[in-house]
Amino acid sequence: MLYTAIFMAAATLISKILGQARDSLLTAYFGSGLESDAFTTASTIPTMLFDVIIGGVISAAFIPVFNDIVSKRGKDEGMKFVNKFVTLVVCISLIIVVAGILLSGQLVSLQTHYTGEKHALAAQLTAIMFPMIIFTGLAFSFVGLLQSFGEYKIPSLISLISNLAIILYYVLFGKSFGIYGLAVTMVIAWSLQFIILIPWIRKFGVRFRPDFRFRDEDIKDTLKLAGPMLIATWVQPLYSIINQKFASNIDAAVTQIQQSNRLYIIVVGVFSFVVTNLIFPKLAQAVAKDDMNEAKRLTVSSLRSIVLVIAPLMAGLIVLSEPVANVIFAYGRMDAQSVKAISVLLKFYSVGMLGLGLNEVLSKAFFSLKDSKTPMRNSVISMIANIVLAFILYKLMSTNGLALAAAFGSIINAALNWFCMNRKYPDMIKRSDIADMIKSVVSAAVMGAVILPVYYFLASRCSGTVGNLIICAACGAVGVFVYAVMTLITGESDIKNILHRKG
């Protein structure tokens, strides 16, 4: 598991870096105005609509049901379920594509306040990119299958391939085919995510045959689980919709919001998404075998690991948001004012980083237990809180208030899921576990306090891209050292166990 986790983390990190390079190339080639705003909106509408309707639950609903079937009735029955499930996903995806293309203009109007040329361009680009969700649906389905069979490496590479394809477009054809060529390339890149999985799904014995028997009991069980689960996964897409609707009143704000949010997701996602993708199938298998002790152990160890790693990343990004944004975005047609705006947004988004990471684990733990109603209720409450906060904070802080509202929404969601998990399984999270998590947070806070004066000292003496790289590297090195020392001083159990094993 450690070797697999390291591979997944490395692949995810490289993929996220390529994804950030892809996003920063958008502003480098097209600036932070009409074309970049239109493309940013158009690229999020198909995936967001897909997530809201079905995408957010494909693998989450598939994995528990599939593992239960295989555990109790054998692999052959499991493969029959695969055919029905994938057929259903493709049918729903096709309906979304056709409806999305026909209603692309209305969807842009629903999400933004664009008018004239910007609205027309966003609608055209949206229609071009809608077909990519067919391949996304296929890829999501077979990723769940591969993870259930213990194959994690190939699924962790698919985003890397698609991001690389888009970057190559910029380098080779960006100036020749412009923004429309980029939209077509997005569809091709997303199709590659599915194509590279084909040899591997065949290796595990999948011989896909369309099966339209959707009244099957297994499909009914999946849909019952997926309904509340779907609502529970709406949090991040709806945060994005709310933020874009508000930000579309300000020129370039949509691009700034999306760039800062994506960078934030990259930092928190490299570890938290690896942990949940690795643990979720194992949780589902443990539950299918009625091994609740193992399920509880996996959940708690994941929560502890999330806090141990995400807490210092959160503190570091809050302090170093400006040099990080300058290193990534301060080139090409991106002006200094936009880079500054992104850095401030990133700082406010980072407040919710620990909440987002914890919520990833807690939601998946509920899903593996086939309890999708609890995270659904908590998600609805956090979404309402986010909307209310967005209205209030936008008036006080403009777009920065939207980022802070999203951060508070993540914290509220995680707190509610934590409370419900602890009430349902009061013996799962022990006081010693909570104490270790608090030690990690305290260590991270001390780390942030130490690197802050180091940052101010270097910022007054270093400038430009090289200077910002020096600031990030120096503060990062000091931060790692301080955090390591603090975890030893506080006696954090996971670190002590690692050192004891090495000893």
Protein backbone atom coordinates (compact mmCIF):
# COMPACT_ATOMS: atom_id res chain seq x y z
CA MET A 1 0.00 0.00 0.00
CA LEU A 2 2.85 2.39 0.78
CA TYR A 3 4.51 1.75 -2.60
CA THR A 4 1.18 2.22 -4.38
CA ALA A 5 0.43 5.38 -2.41
CA ILE A 6 3.84 6.85 -3.31
CA PHE A 7 3.28 6.02 -7.00
CA MET A 8 -0.22 7.53 -6.92
CA ALA A 9 1.00 10.63 -5.12
CA ALA A 10 3.82 11.12 -7.62
CA ALA A 11 1.50 10.58 -10.60
CA THR A 12 -1.15 12.85 -9.10
CA LEU A 13 1.42 15.55 -8.32
CA ILE A 14 2.80 15.48 -11.87
CA SER A 15 -0.73 15.50 -13.26
CA LYS A 16 -1.71 18.44 -11.05
CA ILE A 17 1.44 20.33 -12.06
CA LEU A 18 0.64 19.71 -15.73
CA GLY A 19 -2.95 20.75 -15.05
CA GLN A 20 -1.77 23.99 -13.50
CA ALA A 21 0.61 24.53 -16.42
CA ARG A 22 -2.34 23.94 -18.75
CA ASP A 23 -4.43 26.52 -16.90
CA SER A 24 -1.65 29.10 -16.74
CA LEU A 25 -1.00 28.66 -20.49
CA LEU A 26 -4.60 29.73 -21.09
CA THR A 27 -3.91 33.17 -19.64
CA ALA A 28 -0.42 33.29 -21.16
CA TYR A 29 -1.85 32.74 -24.67
CA PHE A 30 -5.21 34.49 -24.36
CA GLY A 31 -4.80 36.90 -21.42
CA SER A 32 -7.35 37.32 -18.62
CA GLY A 33 -10.21 38.83 -20.59
CA LEU A 34 -12.84 37.88 -23.15
CA GLU A 35 -11.42 34.64 -24.58
CA SER A 36 -10.06 33.21 -21.32
CA ASP A 37 -13.25 34.04 -19.42
CA ALA A 38 -15.41 32.50 -22.17
CA PHE A 39 -13.26 29.36 -22.34
CA THR A 40 -13.08 28.98 -18.55
CA THR A 41 -16.86 29.14 -18.32
CA ALA A 42 -17.36 26.84 -21.32
CA SER A 43 -14.94 24.20 -20.04
CA THR A 44 -16.60 24.03 -16.64
CA ILE A 45 -20.24 23.82 -17.80
CA PRO A 46 -20.14 20.29 -19.35
CA THR A 47 -18.13 18.75 -16.51
CA MET A 48 -20.14 20.58 -13.87
CA LEU A 49 -23.47 19.48 -15.37
CA PHE A 50 -22.13 15.93 -15.64
CA ASP A 51 -20.99 16.02 -11.99
CA VAL A 52 -24.32 17.40 -10.81
CA ILE A 53 -26.37 14.80 -12.72
CA ILE A 54 -24.24 11.66 -12.42
CA GLY A 55 -20.44 12.11 -12.52
CA GLY A 56 -19.90 12.71 -8.85
CA VAL A 57 -21.27 9.29 -7.90
CA ILE A 58 -20.22 6.93 -10.70
CA SER A 59 -17.26 5.32 -8.98
CA ALA A 60 -18.60 6.03 -5.47
CA ALA A 61 -21.88 4.20 -6.18
CA PHE A 62 -20.28 1.49 -8.31
CA ILE A 63 -17.53 0.35 -5.93
CA PRO A 64 -19.64 -0.64 -2.87
CA VAL A 65 -22.28 -2.48 -4.94
CA PHE A 66 -19.76 -4.22 -7.20
CA ASN A 67 -17.63 -5.40 -4.25
CA ASP A 68 -20.73 -6.65 -2.46
CA ILE A 69 -21.81 -8.67 -5.54
CA VAL A 70 -18.34 -10.16 -6.09
CA SER A 71 -17.96 -10.99 -2.39
CA LYS A 72 -21.34 -12.75 -2.12
CA ARG A 73 -22.13 -14.04 -5.64
CA GLY A 74 -18.84 -14.24 -7.51
CA LYS A 75 -16.95 -12.43 -10.26
CA ASP A 76 -19.21 -13.54 -13.13
CA GLU A 77 -22.23 -11.88 -11.55
CA GLY A 78 -20.11 -8.82 -10.90
CA MET A 79 -19.22 -8.60 -14.61
CA LYS A 80 -22.89 -8.77 -15.58
CA PHE A 81 -23.49 -5.83 -13.29
CA VAL A 82 -20.60 -3.94 -14.96
CA ASN A 83 -22.29 -4.25 -18.37
CA LYS A 84 -25.60 -2.92 -17.07
CA PHE A 85 -23.99 -0.11 -15.09
CA VAL A 86 -21.76 1.12 -17.94
CA THR A 87 -24.67 0.96 -20.40
CA LEU A 88 -26.74 3.11 -18.06
CA VAL A 89 -23.90 5.63 -17.66
CA VAL A 90 -23.44 5.91 -21.44
CA CYS A 91 -27.18 6.44 -22.00
CA ILE A 92 -27.36 9.21 -19.38
CA SER A 93 -24.20 10.81 -20.77
CA LEU A 94 -25.64 10.87 -24.31
CA ILE A 95 -28.81 12.55 -23.06
CA ILE A 96 -26.71 15.18 -21.24
CA VAL A 97 -24.61 15.81 -24.37
CA VAL A 98 -27.61 16.31 -26.68
CA ALA A 99 -29.44 18.53 -24.18
CA GLY A 100 -26.28 20.48 -23.40
CA ILE A 101 -25.51 21.25 -27.03
CA LEU A 102 -29.08 22.39 -27.70
CA LEU A 103 -29.21 24.53 -24.55
CA SER A 104 -25.60 25.80 -24.47
CA GLY A 105 -26.66 29.47 -24.69
CA GLN A 106 -29.15 29.14 -21.86
CA LEU A 107 -26.61 27.32 -19.70
CA VAL A 108 -24.10 30.13 -20.13
CA SER A 109 -26.78 32.67 -19.19
CA LEU A 110 -27.71 30.60 -16.13
CA GLN A 111 -24.14 30.56 -14.87
CA THR A 112 -22.95 34.06 -15.86
CA HIS A 113 -24.02 37.60 -16.65
CA TYR A 114 -22.20 37.56 -20.00
CA THR A 115 -23.65 39.50 -22.91
CA GLY A 116 -22.82 40.10 -26.56
CA GLU A 117 -19.58 38.65 -27.96
CA LYS A 118 -18.47 37.02 -24.70
CA HIS A 119 -21.81 35.21 -24.30
CA ALA A 120 -21.81 34.04 -27.93
CA LEU A 121 -18.22 32.74 -27.72
CA ALA A 122 -18.85 30.95 -24.41
CA ALA A 123 -21.98 29.26 -25.86
CA GLN A 124 -20.12 28.08 -28.98
CA LEU A 125 -17.20 26.69 -26.98
CA THR A 126 -19.60 24.97 -24.56
CA ALA A 127 -21.38 23.18 -27.42
CA ILE A 128 -18.03 22.01 -28.85
CA MET A 129 -16.86 20.56 -25.54
CA PHE A 130 -20.02 18.78 -24.38
CA PRO A 131 -19.17 15.40 -26.07
CA MET A 132 -16.17 14.98 -23.76
CA ILE A 133 -18.43 13.87 -20.91
CA ILE A 134 -19.25 10.59 -22.73
CA PHE A 135 -15.60 9.59 -22.41
CA THR A 136 -15.48 10.93 -18.87
CA GLY A 137 -18.41 8.71 -17.90
CA LEU A 138 -16.73 5.64 -19.41
CA ALA A 139 -13.43 6.45 -17.73
CA PHE A 140 -15.04 6.98 -14.31
CA SER A 141 -16.88 3.67 -14.56
CA PHE A 142 -13.82 1.60 -15.41
CA VAL A 143 -11.61 3.40 -12.89
CA GLY A 144 -13.95 2.12 -10.18
CA LEU A 145 -13.66 -1.39 -11.60
CA LEU A 146 -9.86 -1.32 -11.75
CA GLN A 147 -9.58 0.05 -8.22
CA SER A 148 -11.87 -2.72 -6.97
CA PHE A 149 -9.41 -5.24 -8.43
CA GLY A 150 -6.49 -3.49 -6.76
CA GLU A 151 -5.16 -1.67 -9.83
CA TYR A 152 -4.49 1.92 -8.77
CA LYS A 153 -1.49 2.93 -10.88
CA ILE A 154 -3.09 3.15 -14.32
CA PRO A 155 -6.15 5.16 -13.12
CA SER A 156 -3.78 7.65 -11.48
CA LEU A 157 -2.13 8.30 -14.86
CA ILE A 158 -5.17 9.17 -16.98
CA SER A 159 -5.34 12.86 -16.02
CA LEU A 160 -1.62 13.18 -16.66
CA ILE A 161 -2.10 11.99 -20.26
CA SER A 162 -5.01 14.34 -20.97
CA ASN A 163 -3.23 17.36 -19.47
CA LEU A 164 -0.12 16.59 -21.49
CA ALA A 165 -2.19 16.44 -24.69
CA ILE A 166 -3.63 19.91 -24.03
CA ILE A 167 -0.20 21.37 -23.25
CA LEU A 168 1.13 19.96 -26.53
CA TYR A 169 -1.71 21.73 -28.34
CA TYR A 170 -0.62 25.07 -26.90
CA VAL A 171 3.00 24.47 -27.91
CA LEU A 172 2.32 23.13 -31.41
CA PHE A 173 -0.95 24.67 -32.56
CA GLY A 174 -2.06 27.32 -30.03
CA LYS A 175 -1.27 30.29 -32.25
CA SER A 176 -2.63 28.62 -35.40
CA PHE A 177 -6.07 27.36 -34.32
CA GLY A 178 -6.74 29.59 -31.32
CA ILE A 179 -9.48 29.13 -28.75
CA TYR A 180 -11.68 26.95 -30.96
CA GLY A 181 -8.86 24.49 -31.55
CA LEU A 182 -8.30 24.37 -27.81
CA ALA A 183 -11.96 23.39 -27.28
CA VAL A 184 -11.64 20.53 -29.79
CA THR A 185 -8.41 19.42 -28.13
CA MET A 186 -10.22 19.24 -24.78
CA VAL A 187 -12.60 16.64 -26.25
CA ILE A 188 -9.69 14.63 -27.70
CA ALA A 189 -7.77 14.82 -24.42
CA TRP A 190 -10.75 13.55 -22.40
CA SER A 191 -11.26 10.69 -24.84
CA LEU A 192 -7.67 9.61 -24.17
CA GLN A 193 -8.58 9.09 -20.50
CA PHE A 194 -10.85 6.23 -21.54
CA ILE A 195 -8.77 4.89 -24.43
CA ILE A 196 -5.69 4.20 -22.30
CA LEU A 197 -7.83 2.15 -19.88
CA ILE A 198 -9.06 -0.30 -22.54
CA PRO A 199 -6.09 -2.76 -22.43
CA TRP A 200 -6.28 -2.88 -18.64
CA ILE A 201 -10.00 -3.50 -18.34
CA ARG A 202 -9.62 -6.33 -20.87
CA LYS A 203 -6.77 -7.72 -18.77
CA PHE A 204 -9.20 -8.10 -15.84
CA GLY A 205 -11.69 -10.00 -17.96
CA VAL A 206 -14.09 -7.24 -19.00
CA ARG A 207 -15.83 -7.95 -22.29
CA PHE A 208 -18.31 -5.14 -22.49
CA ARG A 209 -21.69 -5.95 -24.00
CA PRO A 210 -24.48 -3.33 -23.82
CA ASP A 211 -27.17 -4.50 -21.40
CA PHE A 212 -30.32 -2.40 -21.08
CA ARG A 213 -31.96 -4.36 -18.25
CA PHE A 214 -32.06 -1.38 -15.94
CA ARG A 215 -34.83 -2.87 -13.78
CA ASP A 216 -32.30 -5.34 -12.40
CA GLU A 217 -32.21 -5.38 -8.58
CA ASP A 218 -28.50 -4.54 -8.51
CA ILE A 219 -29.08 -1.43 -10.64
CA LYS A 220 -32.00 -0.48 -8.38
CA ASP A 221 -29.75 -0.82 -5.32
CA THR A 222 -27.13 1.34 -7.02
CA LEU A 223 -29.66 4.05 -7.88
CA LYS A 224 -31.03 4.05 -4.33
CA LEU A 225 -27.50 4.59 -3.06
CA ALA A 226 -26.65 7.10 -5.79
CA GLY A 227 -29.59 9.46 -5.25
CA PRO A 228 -28.60 10.91 -1.87
CA MET A 229 -24.93 10.40 -2.74
CA LEU A 230 -25.34 12.61 -5.79
CA ILE A 231 -26.67 15.48 -3.71
CA ALA A 232 -23.77 15.01 -1.30
CA THR A 233 -21.29 15.51 -4.16
CA TRP A 234 -22.91 18.75 -5.34
CA VAL A 235 -21.01 20.88 -2.85
CA GLN A 236 -17.92 21.76 -4.90
CA PRO A 237 -19.76 22.13 -8.28
CA LEU A 238 -22.36 24.41 -6.72
CA TYR A 239 -19.69 26.46 -4.97
CA SER A 240 -18.16 26.99 -8.40
CA ILE A 241 -21.52 27.93 -9.97
CA ILE A 242 -22.23 30.45 -7.22
CA ASN A 243 -18.77 31.98 -7.46
CA GLN A 244 -18.88 32.28 -11.26
CA LYS A 245 -22.33 33.88 -11.17
CA PHE A 246 -21.13 36.57 -8.78
CA ALA A 247 -17.71 37.00 -10.41
CA SER A 248 -19.06 37.33 -13.97
CA ASN A 249 -20.05 40.92 -13.15
CA ILE A 250 -16.35 41.83 -12.98
CA ASP A 251 -14.05 41.57 -16.01
CA ALA A 252 -11.44 38.79 -15.67
CA ALA A 253 -12.80 37.77 -12.25
CA VAL A 254 -14.14 34.41 -13.50
CA THR A 255 -10.67 33.42 -14.70
CA GLN A 256 -9.08 34.59 -11.45
CA ILE A 257 -11.58 32.66 -9.33
CA GLN A 258 -11.11 29.47 -11.34
CA GLN A 259 -7.30 29.70 -11.45
CA SER A 260 -6.99 30.23 -7.70
CA ASN A 261 -9.55 27.51 -6.91
CA ARG A 262 -7.83 24.99 -9.17
CA LEU A 263 -4.45 25.72 -7.62
CA TYR A 264 -5.99 25.27 -4.17
CA ILE A 265 -7.56 21.95 -5.24
CA ILE A 266 -4.19 20.82 -6.58
CA VAL A 267 -2.44 21.37 -3.25
CA VAL A 268 -5.10 19.68 -1.15
CA GLY A 269 -5.84 17.03 -3.76
CA VAL A 270 -2.40 15.52 -4.23
CA PHE A 271 -2.67 13.81 -0.86
CA SER A 272 -6.34 13.70 0.15
CA PHE A 273 -7.55 12.34 -3.19
CA VAL A 274 -4.79 9.72 -3.20
CA VAL A 275 -5.77 8.59 0.29
CA THR A 276 -9.48 8.36 -0.51
CA ASN A 277 -8.98 6.65 -3.89
CA LEU A 278 -6.68 4.11 -2.28
CA ILE A 279 -8.75 3.50 0.84
CA PHE A 280 -12.31 3.61 -0.55
CA PRO A 281 -12.24 0.23 -2.38
CA LYS A 282 -10.62 -1.37 0.67
CA LEU A 283 -13.30 0.15 2.89
CA ALA A 284 -16.00 -1.22 0.59
CA GLN A 285 -14.39 -4.68 0.65
CA ALA A 286 -14.14 -4.64 4.45
CA VAL A 287 -17.82 -3.68 4.76
CA ALA A 288 -18.81 -6.36 2.22
CA LYS A 289 -17.06 -8.92 4.43
CA ASP A 290 -18.68 -7.47 7.59
CA ASP A 291 -15.24 -6.62 8.98
CA MET A 292 -16.21 -3.39 10.74
CA ASN A 293 -13.05 -3.27 12.83
CA GLU A 294 -10.97 -3.04 9.67
CA ALA A 295 -13.32 -0.43 8.20
CA LYS A 296 -13.02 1.71 11.33
CA ARG A 297 -9.24 1.32 11.41
CA LEU A 298 -8.91 2.41 7.77
CA THR A 299 -11.14 5.43 8.33
CA VAL A 300 -9.31 6.67 11.42
CA SER A 301 -5.84 6.13 9.95
CA SER A 302 -6.94 8.09 6.86
CA LEU A 303 -8.22 10.98 8.96
CA ARG A 304 -5.00 11.12 10.95
CA SER A 305 -2.90 11.02 7.78
CA ILE A 306 -4.95 13.80 6.19
CA VAL A 307 -4.45 16.13 9.15
CA LEU A 308 -0.75 15.26 9.46
CA VAL A 309 -0.04 16.27 5.85
CA ILE A 310 -2.70 18.85 4.97
CA ALA A 311 -2.29 21.04 8.09
CA PRO A 312 1.27 22.19 7.21
CA LEU A 313 0.34 22.59 3.53
CA MET A 314 -2.55 24.81 4.58
CA ALA A 315 -0.36 26.98 6.81
CA GLY A 316 2.34 27.21 4.17
CA LEU A 317 -0.03 28.22 1.38
CA ILE A 318 -1.72 30.90 3.49
CA VAL A 319 1.69 32.49 4.14
CA LEU A 320 3.22 31.95 0.68
CA SER A 321 0.21 32.47 -1.59
CA GLU A 322 1.73 35.54 -3.28
CA PRO A 323 5.12 34.07 -4.31
CA VAL A 324 3.42 30.81 -5.34
CA ALA A 325 0.98 32.70 -7.57
CA ASN A 326 3.82 34.77 -9.04
CA VAL A 327 5.86 31.68 -9.91
CA ILE A 328 2.92 30.02 -11.64
CA PHE A 329 1.09 32.88 -13.33
CA ALA A 330 3.37 35.92 -13.70
CA TYR A 331 4.32 35.55 -17.37
CA GLY A 332 2.85 35.90 -20.84
CA ARG A 333 -0.24 38.13 -21.09
CA MET A 334 -1.17 37.79 -17.41
CA ASP A 335 -0.80 41.22 -15.78
CA ALA A 336 0.51 41.88 -12.26
CA GLN A 337 -2.89 43.00 -10.97
CA SER A 338 -4.50 39.66 -11.96
CA VAL A 339 -1.66 37.69 -10.37
CA LYS A 340 -2.10 39.66 -7.15
CA ALA A 341 -5.85 39.01 -7.21
CA ILE A 342 -5.25 35.26 -7.66
CA SER A 343 -2.81 35.19 -4.73
CA VAL A 344 -5.30 36.83 -2.37
CA LEU A 345 -8.10 34.50 -3.50
CA LEU A 346 -5.78 31.55 -2.95
CA LYS A 347 -5.10 32.70 0.61
CA PHE A 348 -8.82 32.78 1.44
CA TYR A 349 -9.54 29.45 -0.28
CA SER A 350 -6.75 27.84 1.73
CA VAL A 351 -8.62 28.47 4.98
CA GLY A 352 -10.91 25.56 4.05
CA MET A 353 -8.16 23.16 3.00
CA LEU A 354 -8.24 20.96 6.09
CA GLY A 355 -12.05 20.83 5.99
CA LEU A 356 -12.00 19.73 2.35
CA GLY A 357 -9.45 16.99 3.04
CA LEU A 358 -11.30 15.61 6.06
CA ASN A 359 -14.60 15.72 4.20
CA GLU A 360 -13.15 13.61 1.38
CA VAL A 361 -12.39 10.79 3.83
CA LEU A 362 -15.59 11.08 5.88
CA SER A 363 -17.87 11.15 2.82
CA LYS A 364 -16.20 8.09 1.33
CA ALA A 365 -16.46 6.30 4.67
CA PHE A 366 -20.22 6.88 4.72
CA PHE A 367 -20.51 5.78 1.07
CA SER A 368 -18.62 2.55 1.75
CA LEU A 369 -21.09 1.87 4.57
CA LYS A 370 -23.91 2.38 2.02
CA ASP A 371 -25.09 5.36 4.00
CA SER A 372 -25.46 8.17 1.49
CA LYS A 373 -28.28 10.00 3.29
CA THR A 374 -26.14 11.35 6.13
CA PRO A 375 -23.54 13.10 3.92
CA MET A 376 -26.42 14.27 1.70
CA ARG A 377 -28.12 16.09 4.59
CA ASN A 378 -24.84 17.59 5.72
CA SER A 379 -24.00 18.73 2.18
CA VAL A 380 -27.35 20.48 1.83
CA ILE A 381 -26.81 22.34 5.11
CA SER A 382 -23.27 23.38 4.10
CA MET A 383 -24.47 24.50 0.66
CA ILE A 384 -27.14 26.70 2.23
CA ALA A 385 -24.52 28.14 4.58
CA ASN A 386 -22.19 28.78 1.65
CA ILE A 387 -24.88 30.59 -0.35
CA VAL A 388 -25.80 32.80 2.61
CA LEU A 389 -22.15 33.57 3.34
CA ALA A 390 -21.47 34.28 -0.34
CA PHE A 391 -24.21 36.93 -0.41
CA ILE A 392 -22.93 38.54 2.79
CA LEU A 393 -19.17 38.35 2.17
CA TYR A 394 -19.36 39.36 -1.50
CA LYS A 395 -20.84 42.70 -0.44
CA LEU A 396 -18.08 43.14 2.14
CA MET A 397 -15.05 41.69 0.34
CA SER A 398 -15.98 41.35 -3.35
CA THR A 399 -14.61 38.12 -4.93
CA ASN A 400 -12.38 37.45 -1.90
CA GLY A 401 -15.58 36.95 0.07
CA LEU A 402 -16.64 34.22 -2.35
CA ALA A 403 -13.41 32.30 -1.69
CA LEU A 404 -13.81 32.69 2.07
CA ALA A 405 -17.46 31.58 1.88
CA ALA A 406 -16.41 28.44 -0.01
CA ALA A 407 -13.75 27.75 2.64
CA PHE A 408 -16.29 28.10 5.46
CA GLY A 409 -18.65 25.81 3.53
CA SER A 410 -15.98 23.08 3.43
CA ILE A 411 -15.31 23.47 7.15
CA ILE A 412 -19.02 23.28 8.03
CA ASN A 413 -19.49 20.20 5.85
CA ALA A 414 -16.55 18.39 7.43
CA ALA A 415 -17.66 19.32 10.96
CA LEU A 416 -21.17 17.96 10.35
CA ASN A 417 -19.86 14.70 8.87
CA TRP A 418 -17.41 14.33 11.77
CA PHE A 419 -20.20 14.81 14.31
CA CYS A 420 -22.48 12.27 12.57
CA MET A 421 -19.72 9.68 12.19
CA ASN A 422 -18.80 10.03 15.85
CA ARG A 423 -22.46 9.71 16.88
CA LYS A 424 -22.97 6.63 14.70
CA TYR A 425 -19.72 4.94 15.77
CA PRO A 426 -18.75 6.51 19.12
CA ASP A 427 -15.88 4.05 19.58
CA MET A 428 -14.25 4.81 16.22
CA ILE A 429 -12.37 8.09 16.80
CA LYS A 430 -10.67 7.90 20.18
CA ARG A 431 -9.40 10.77 22.31
CA SER A 432 -5.84 9.80 21.48
CA ASP A 433 -6.62 10.17 17.76
CA ILE A 434 -8.10 13.64 18.32
CA ALA A 435 -5.11 14.60 20.47
CA ASP A 436 -2.70 13.63 17.68
CA MET A 437 -4.67 15.62 15.13
CA ILE A 438 -4.57 18.67 17.42
CA LYS A 439 -0.81 18.20 17.78
CA SER A 440 -0.46 18.28 13.98
CA VAL A 441 -2.54 21.47 13.74
CA VAL A 442 -0.54 23.17 16.52
CA SER A 443 2.73 22.13 14.85
CA ALA A 444 1.51 23.56 11.55
CA ALA A 445 0.50 26.85 13.23
CA VAL A 446 3.96 27.19 14.79
CA MET A 447 5.51 26.41 11.41
CA GLY A 448 3.44 29.16 9.78
CA ALA A 449 4.42 31.65 12.49
CA VAL A 450 8.11 30.87 11.97
CA ILE A 451 8.18 31.09 8.18
CA LEU A 452 6.18 34.35 8.10
CA PRO A 453 9.11 36.60 9.16
CA VAL A 454 11.43 34.56 6.91
CA TYR A 455 9.09 35.30 4.01
CA TYR A 456 8.98 39.06 4.77
CA PHE A 457 12.77 39.15 5.06
CA LEU A 458 13.32 37.44 1.71
CA ALA A 459 10.48 39.29 -0.06
CA SER A 460 12.21 42.62 0.64
CA ARG A 461 15.39 41.36 -1.02
CA CYS A 462 14.20 39.04 -3.83
CA SER A 463 12.12 39.84 -6.91
CA GLY A 464 11.14 38.30 -10.23
CA THR A 465 10.49 34.65 -10.97
CA VAL A 466 13.88 33.50 -9.66
CA GLY A 467 13.41 35.53 -6.49
CA ASN A 468 9.97 34.03 -5.87
CA LEU A 469 11.36 30.54 -6.43
CA ILE A 470 14.07 31.26 -3.84
CA ILE A 471 11.42 32.50 -1.39
CA CYS A 472 9.28 29.37 -1.86
CA ALA A 473 12.26 27.00 -1.62
CA ALA A 474 13.80 28.67 1.44
CA CYS A 475 10.52 29.05 3.32
CA GLY A 476 9.56 25.50 2.35
CA ALA A 477 12.82 24.10 3.73
CA VAL A 478 12.48 26.07 6.98
CA GLY A 479 8.84 25.00 7.24
CA VAL A 480 9.59 21.29 6.81
CA PHE A 481 12.32 21.48 9.46
CA VAL A 482 10.15 23.37 11.96
CA TYR A 483 7.15 21.08 11.41
CA ALA A 484 9.32 17.96 11.83
CA VAL A 485 10.78 19.31 15.07
CA MET A 486 7.35 20.28 16.39
CA THR A 487 5.87 16.83 15.71
CA LEU A 488 8.75 15.32 17.68
CA ILE A 489 8.31 17.78 20.54
CA THR A 490 4.54 17.25 20.73
CA GLY A 491 4.96 13.47 20.43
CA GLU A 492 2.64 12.89 17.47
CA SER A 493 2.01 9.12 17.46
CA ASP A 494 2.33 8.42 13.73
CA ILE A 495 5.76 10.05 13.58
CA LYS A 496 6.85 8.21 16.73
CA ASN A 497 5.74 4.88 15.23
CA ILE A 498 7.65 5.55 12.01
CA LEU A 499 10.83 6.41 13.92
CA HIS A 500 10.37 3.38 16.19
CA ARG A 501 10.10 1.03 13.19
CA LYS A 502 13.20 2.56 11.60
CA GLY A 503 14.98 2.19 14.92
